[in-house]
Amino acid sequence: MEHSDNEPLQFGKGNNPSNIMPLKLTLDSKIKFRCYPGVSCFTACCGNIKIILTPYDILQLSRRLNMPPHEFVSEYAEPDFLEQTDMPGVRIKMRADDNRCPFVTKEGCTVYSDRPTACRYYPIGMADFHEGGRKEEDGKEVLGGYDKFYFKVVEKHCKGHLEDKEWTIAEWRADQGVDVRDEMNKEWLRLIMRRKSHGHQASLSEQAQRMFFMASTDLPSFRRFIFESSFLDTYEMDADLVEKIRTDDIELMKFSFVYLAATLFGAQGLRIKEEKVQAKVAEIKQRQDESVLEAIREYEEMKQEQAR
């Protein structure tokens, strides 16, 4: 399955119109498909492809391999930008000798139960359209119109479509664990969608890119950032949530999305402590007062120089 660098990606899958059946599908639509070791093309789709890893993918795979996330990323991933934005992410590093996924063998995927989200979608893609701009609901910024449907990807090499096994789209997604992944990934995907909606008129700072990358790929480092910096002194945090993110990686991951949305895009969700706000206001006022006094001094010195 070959893809050029110019093709748009959805979780790493090439969105090639020549392979997409021109038919909108719903959760009740039926398909015939089965992939198993006996099919002649088994694992043919596991090479020559970009597989973008979500934060939940990285969390699950690093647990599976009993590796710290930063070590997993260093060994099995390589940097990439997400959905044609300046938001840094990672993709699976293909083997150098055959350009195939490092986890695939002749017998199949060695991490199958924890395989990435991209691998679970195939051959059913999901189109997720948002129209009508942005608006406020209950104090939160949301998108306007919404349209979600599914489509089938049929590639020439894939013989799974010739199998007799029949599913509804809902049954296929449940069998592949896609619904769970969608729930885990949705707030992270919204961050990417927000960035895309802002266009190219403003770039993320290098500091913002570093923070996004750390929170998305290295939860232990993000946890240290929370508990070993002035973070908890700066933000209002519910005590129960603090204890959850101290020990629960899933809660920490979800909180990272809230933090990134607030700090990168000004979304609701985090509040700076009032005393910190007042201290910052006082600091700014002091700098302004000092600037005014300095300007007055310079003006008086200039007058004295002219008088001399």
Protein backbone atom coordinates (compact mmCIF):
# COMPACT_ATOMS: atom_id res chain seq x y z
CA MET A 1 0.00 0.00 0.00
CA GLU A 2 2.01 2.99 -1.22
CA HIS A 3 1.36 6.58 -0.29
CA SER A 4 3.11 9.75 -1.33
CA ASP A 5 4.07 12.41 1.20
CA ASN A 6 1.54 14.77 -0.36
CA GLU A 7 -1.48 12.59 0.38
CA PRO A 8 -3.62 13.68 3.34
CA LEU A 9 -3.60 11.23 6.22
CA GLN A 10 -6.29 10.10 8.62
CA PHE A 11 -4.53 8.37 11.51
CA GLY A 12 -1.80 7.59 8.99
CA LYS A 13 -3.99 5.98 6.33
CA GLY A 14 -3.74 7.41 2.83
CA ASN A 15 -6.98 9.03 1.74
CA ASN A 16 -6.72 8.06 -1.91
CA PRO A 17 -10.04 8.73 -3.75
CA SER A 18 -9.34 5.94 -6.24
CA ASN A 19 -9.61 3.42 -3.37
CA ILE A 20 -12.62 4.94 -1.62
CA MET A 21 -16.05 3.63 -2.54
CA PRO A 22 -18.22 6.69 -3.39
CA LEU A 23 -20.98 5.77 -0.96
CA LYS A 24 -21.85 7.21 2.43
CA LEU A 25 -22.27 4.48 5.03
CA THR A 26 -23.94 4.54 8.43
CA LEU A 27 -23.41 2.41 11.51
CA ASP A 28 -26.19 0.13 10.26
CA SER A 29 -24.67 -0.33 6.79
CA LYS A 30 -23.43 -3.85 6.07
CA ILE A 31 -20.06 -4.87 4.65
CA LYS A 32 -18.37 -8.16 3.85
CA PHE A 33 -14.81 -8.34 5.09
CA ARG A 34 -12.47 -10.61 7.01
CA CYS A 35 -8.72 -10.52 7.60
CA TYR A 36 -6.97 -13.60 9.00
CA PRO A 37 -3.76 -15.62 8.45
CA GLY A 38 -5.38 -17.75 5.74
CA VAL A 39 -6.14 -14.84 3.40
CA SER A 40 -3.56 -14.58 0.59
CA CYS A 41 -2.75 -10.89 1.22
CA PHE A 42 -2.25 -11.30 4.98
CA THR A 43 -0.11 -8.42 6.38
CA ALA A 44 0.34 -6.89 2.89
CA CYS A 45 -1.11 -3.63 4.25
CA CYS A 46 1.52 -3.43 7.03
CA GLY A 47 4.23 -1.74 4.98
CA ASN A 48 4.93 1.36 2.88
CA ILE A 49 2.53 3.39 5.00
CA LYS A 50 2.57 6.23 7.53
CA ILE A 51 1.01 5.18 10.82
CA ILE A 52 0.56 8.24 13.01
CA LEU A 53 0.54 7.39 16.71
CA THR A 54 -1.93 9.04 19.07
CA PRO A 55 -1.08 9.62 22.74
CA TYR A 56 -3.25 6.64 23.67
CA ASP A 57 -1.45 4.46 21.11
CA ILE A 58 1.90 5.39 22.65
CA LEU A 59 0.62 4.76 26.16
CA GLN A 60 -0.74 1.30 25.30
CA LEU A 61 2.24 0.18 23.21
CA SER A 62 4.81 1.32 25.75
CA ARG A 63 2.91 -0.59 28.43
CA ARG A 64 2.75 -3.65 26.19
CA LEU A 65 6.50 -3.57 25.63
CA ASN A 66 7.25 -2.62 29.24
CA MET A 67 9.18 0.46 28.13
CA PRO A 68 9.06 4.08 29.30
CA PRO A 69 7.22 6.11 26.64
CA HIS A 70 10.30 8.17 25.73
CA GLU A 71 12.28 4.98 25.09
CA PHE A 72 9.47 3.51 23.00
CA VAL A 73 9.29 6.68 20.89
CA SER A 74 13.06 6.75 20.48
CA GLU A 75 13.25 3.13 19.33
CA TYR A 76 10.05 2.58 17.38
CA ALA A 77 8.90 6.00 16.15
CA GLU A 78 10.12 8.96 14.15
CA PRO A 79 8.96 12.60 14.09
CA ASP A 80 6.25 13.85 11.78
CA PHE A 81 3.86 16.79 11.60
CA LEU A 82 0.16 16.16 12.18
CA GLU A 83 -2.44 16.69 9.47
CA GLN A 84 -0.41 19.30 7.57
CA THR A 85 -0.01 21.55 10.62
CA ASP A 86 3.02 22.67 12.65
CA MET A 87 1.99 20.41 15.53
CA PRO A 88 4.73 17.82 16.10
CA GLY A 89 3.89 14.15 16.46
CA VAL A 90 5.36 10.74 15.70
CA ARG A 91 4.73 7.87 13.35
CA ILE A 92 5.82 4.23 13.43
CA LYS A 93 9.38 3.81 12.17
CA MET A 94 9.32 1.22 9.38
CA ARG A 95 12.05 -1.41 9.23
CA ALA A 96 14.96 -0.29 7.07
CA ASP A 97 15.31 -3.58 5.17
CA ASP A 98 11.72 -4.03 3.94
CA ASN A 99 9.90 -0.78 4.88
CA ARG A 100 7.37 -2.72 6.97
CA CYS A 101 6.03 -2.22 10.48
CA PRO A 102 8.55 -3.42 13.08
CA PHE A 103 5.80 -5.36 14.87
CA VAL A 104 4.62 -7.45 11.91
CA THR A 105 5.83 -10.97 11.14
CA LYS A 106 4.69 -13.69 8.73
CA GLU A 107 2.41 -14.94 11.51
CA GLY A 108 0.82 -11.52 11.95
CA CYS A 109 1.03 -8.56 14.33
CA THR A 110 2.98 -9.22 17.52
CA VAL A 111 1.17 -6.40 19.37
CA TYR A 112 -2.26 -7.05 17.87
CA SER A 113 -4.40 -6.42 20.95
CA ASP A 114 -2.60 -3.09 21.46
CA ARG A 115 -2.14 -2.17 17.79
CA PRO A 116 -2.40 1.54 16.81
CA THR A 117 -5.69 3.24 16.01
CA ALA A 118 -4.75 3.51 12.32
CA CYS A 119 -4.58 -0.26 12.01
CA ARG A 120 -8.02 -0.70 13.57
CA TYR A 121 -9.87 1.53 11.13
CA TYR A 122 -9.02 -0.34 7.94
CA PRO A 123 -10.97 -0.87 5.71
CA ILE A 124 -13.64 1.47 7.11
CA GLY A 125 -12.81 5.16 7.15
CA MET A 126 -14.69 7.88 8.96
CA ALA A 127 -15.36 11.35 7.57
CA ASP A 128 -15.90 13.99 10.22
CA PHE A 129 -17.00 17.40 8.90
CA HIS A 130 -17.60 20.56 10.88
CA GLU A 131 -19.18 23.56 9.22
CA GLY A 132 -20.67 26.89 10.13
CA GLY A 133 -17.73 28.33 12.08
CA ARG A 134 -17.45 28.45 15.85
CA LYS A 135 -19.90 29.53 18.50
CA GLU A 136 -20.27 29.61 22.27
CA GLU A 137 -22.44 27.13 24.18
CA ASP A 138 -22.50 27.19 27.99
CA GLY A 139 -19.36 29.29 27.96
CA LYS A 140 -17.43 26.83 25.82
CA GLU A 141 -16.27 27.26 22.26
CA VAL A 142 -17.79 24.64 19.96
CA LEU A 143 -18.01 24.06 16.25
CA GLY A 144 -21.07 24.78 14.16
CA GLY A 145 -22.62 22.20 11.83
CA TYR A 146 -21.57 18.58 12.19
CA ASP A 147 -21.67 15.67 9.80
CA LYS A 148 -20.14 12.25 10.35
CA PHE A 149 -20.36 9.25 8.06
CA TYR A 150 -18.34 6.20 7.09
CA PHE A 151 -16.88 4.89 3.84
CA LYS A 152 -15.21 1.72 2.64
CA VAL A 153 -11.64 1.59 1.31
CA VAL A 154 -11.15 -1.12 -1.33
CA GLU A 155 -7.57 -1.65 -2.52
CA LYS A 156 -6.64 -4.04 -5.31
CA HIS A 157 -4.27 -6.13 -3.23
CA CYS A 158 -6.80 -6.71 -0.40
CA LYS A 159 -8.63 -10.04 -0.64
CA GLY A 160 -10.47 -9.58 2.63
CA HIS A 161 -13.37 -8.06 0.71
CA LEU A 162 -13.94 -11.39 -1.04
CA GLU A 163 -14.68 -13.17 2.25
CA ASP A 164 -18.27 -14.07 3.21
CA LYS A 165 -18.16 -12.68 6.75
CA GLU A 166 -20.84 -9.96 7.01
CA TRP A 167 -20.87 -7.15 9.57
CA THR A 168 -22.62 -3.88 10.18
CA ILE A 169 -20.25 -0.92 10.47
CA ALA A 170 -21.11 -0.77 14.17
CA GLU A 171 -20.26 -4.45 14.64
CA TRP A 172 -16.96 -4.08 12.79
CA ARG A 173 -15.94 -1.03 14.83
CA ALA A 174 -16.82 -2.78 18.10
CA ASP A 175 -14.86 -5.88 17.07
CA GLN A 176 -11.80 -3.78 16.21
CA GLY A 177 -11.98 -1.68 19.39
CA VAL A 178 -12.39 1.52 17.38
CA ASP A 179 -15.10 3.01 19.60
CA VAL A 180 -12.80 2.89 22.63
CA ARG A 181 -9.98 4.49 20.65
CA ASP A 182 -12.26 7.21 19.30
CA GLU A 183 -13.28 8.12 22.85
CA MET A 184 -9.66 8.23 24.00
CA ASN A 185 -8.46 10.18 20.97
CA LYS A 186 -11.28 12.68 20.43
CA GLU A 187 -9.96 15.60 22.53
CA TRP A 188 -6.48 15.22 21.04
CA LEU A 189 -7.98 15.27 17.55
CA ARG A 190 -9.91 18.40 18.45
CA LEU A 191 -6.60 20.10 19.25
CA ILE A 192 -5.37 19.29 15.74
CA MET A 193 -8.67 20.44 14.24
CA ARG A 194 -8.43 23.74 16.14
CA ARG A 195 -4.92 24.27 14.81
CA LYS A 196 -6.01 23.55 11.24
CA SER A 197 -8.92 25.99 11.55
CA HIS A 198 -6.49 28.78 12.47
CA GLY A 199 -4.69 28.40 9.16
CA HIS A 200 -1.11 29.47 8.51
CA GLN A 201 -1.43 33.09 9.62
CA ALA A 202 0.06 32.28 13.02
CA SER A 203 2.68 29.70 13.91
CA LEU A 204 3.07 27.84 17.18
CA SER A 205 6.08 29.04 19.12
CA GLU A 206 8.96 26.65 19.64
CA GLN A 207 8.05 26.45 23.33
CA ALA A 208 4.42 25.59 22.47
CA GLN A 209 5.57 22.89 20.06
CA ARG A 210 7.86 21.38 22.69
CA MET A 211 5.05 21.33 25.26
CA PHE A 212 2.60 19.74 22.80
CA PHE A 213 5.14 17.08 21.87
CA MET A 214 6.00 16.28 25.49
CA ALA A 215 2.37 16.04 26.62
CA SER A 216 1.47 13.90 23.57
CA THR A 217 4.37 11.45 23.66
CA ASP A 218 5.84 11.37 27.18
CA LEU A 219 3.29 11.29 30.00
CA PRO A 220 5.88 10.67 32.78
CA SER A 221 7.63 13.93 31.82
CA PHE A 222 4.30 15.75 31.72
CA ARG A 223 3.52 14.39 35.22
CA ARG A 224 6.87 15.69 36.50
CA PHE A 225 6.06 19.06 34.95
CA ILE A 226 2.84 19.19 36.98
CA PHE A 227 4.21 18.00 40.30
CA GLU A 228 7.79 19.29 40.24
CA SER A 229 7.24 22.81 38.90
CA SER A 230 5.14 25.76 40.08
CA PHE A 231 2.14 24.37 38.17
CA LEU A 232 -0.01 23.49 41.19
CA ASP A 233 0.79 26.87 42.76
CA THR A 234 -0.35 28.62 39.61
CA TYR A 235 -3.58 26.86 38.61
CA GLU A 236 -6.75 26.07 40.51
CA MET A 237 -6.96 22.28 40.63
CA ASP A 238 -9.57 20.02 42.22
CA ALA A 239 -7.90 17.89 44.89
CA ASP A 240 -9.52 14.67 43.62
CA LEU A 241 -8.25 15.35 40.09
CA VAL A 242 -4.74 16.03 41.40
CA GLU A 243 -4.69 12.62 43.10
CA LYS A 244 -6.03 10.92 39.97
CA ILE A 245 -3.40 12.35 37.65
CA ARG A 246 -0.71 11.53 40.20
CA THR A 247 -1.24 7.77 39.66
CA ASP A 248 -3.62 7.21 36.73
CA ASP A 249 -2.07 7.56 33.26
CA ILE A 250 -5.44 7.71 31.48
CA GLU A 251 -6.60 10.59 33.69
CA LEU A 252 -3.25 12.29 33.16
CA MET A 253 -3.57 11.92 29.39
CA LYS A 254 -7.08 13.40 29.41
CA PHE A 255 -5.92 16.28 31.57
CA SER A 256 -3.05 16.96 29.16
CA PHE A 257 -5.62 17.65 26.44
CA VAL A 258 -7.41 20.15 28.71
CA TYR A 259 -4.10 21.84 29.52
CA LEU A 260 -3.02 22.05 25.87
CA ALA A 261 -6.41 23.42 24.76
CA ALA A 262 -6.22 26.13 27.44
CA THR A 263 -2.60 27.14 26.95
CA LEU A 264 -2.42 26.87 23.15
CA PHE A 265 -5.90 28.09 22.20
CA GLY A 266 -7.31 29.87 25.25
CA ALA A 267 -10.08 27.31 25.76
CA GLN A 268 -12.07 27.05 28.98
CA GLY A 269 -10.95 24.41 31.45
CA LEU A 270 -8.08 25.84 33.51
CA ARG A 271 -8.17 28.80 35.86
CA ILE A 272 -5.15 30.65 37.17
CA LYS A 273 -5.32 31.30 40.91
CA GLU A 274 -6.62 34.78 41.72
CA GLU A 275 -3.57 35.69 43.79
CA LYS A 276 -1.35 34.79 40.84
CA VAL A 277 -3.45 36.98 38.56
CA GLN A 278 -3.24 39.91 40.99
CA ALA A 279 0.51 39.40 41.42
CA LYS A 280 0.94 39.44 37.64
CA VAL A 281 -1.17 42.60 37.35
CA ALA A 282 0.94 44.26 40.05
CA GLU A 283 4.14 43.18 38.29
CA ILE A 284 2.93 44.62 34.97
CA LYS A 285 1.84 47.85 36.67
CA GLN A 286 5.22 48.15 38.39
CA ARG A 287 7.03 47.70 35.07
CA GLN A 288 4.76 50.31 33.48
CA ASP A 289 5.35 52.74 36.35
CA GLU A 290 9.09 52.20 36.11
CA SER A 291 8.94 52.81 32.35
CA VAL A 292 7.05 56.05 32.89
CA LEU A 293 9.55 57.22 35.54
CA GLU A 294 12.44 56.30 33.25
CA ALA A 295 10.86 58.26 30.39
CA ILE A 296 10.43 61.28 32.68
CA ARG A 297 14.07 61.06 33.80
CA GLU A 298 15.25 60.86 30.20
CA TYR A 299 13.06 63.85 29.30
CA GLU A 300 14.43 65.95 32.21
CA GLU A 301 18.02 65.02 31.30
CA MET A 302 17.37 66.02 27.71
CA LYS A 303 15.96 69.41 28.84
CA GLN A 304 18.97 70.02 31.06
CA GLU A 305 21.35 69.12 28.24
CA GLN A 306 19.56 71.54 25.90
CA ALA A 307 19.71 74.29 28.58
CA ARG A 308 23.49 73.80 28.93
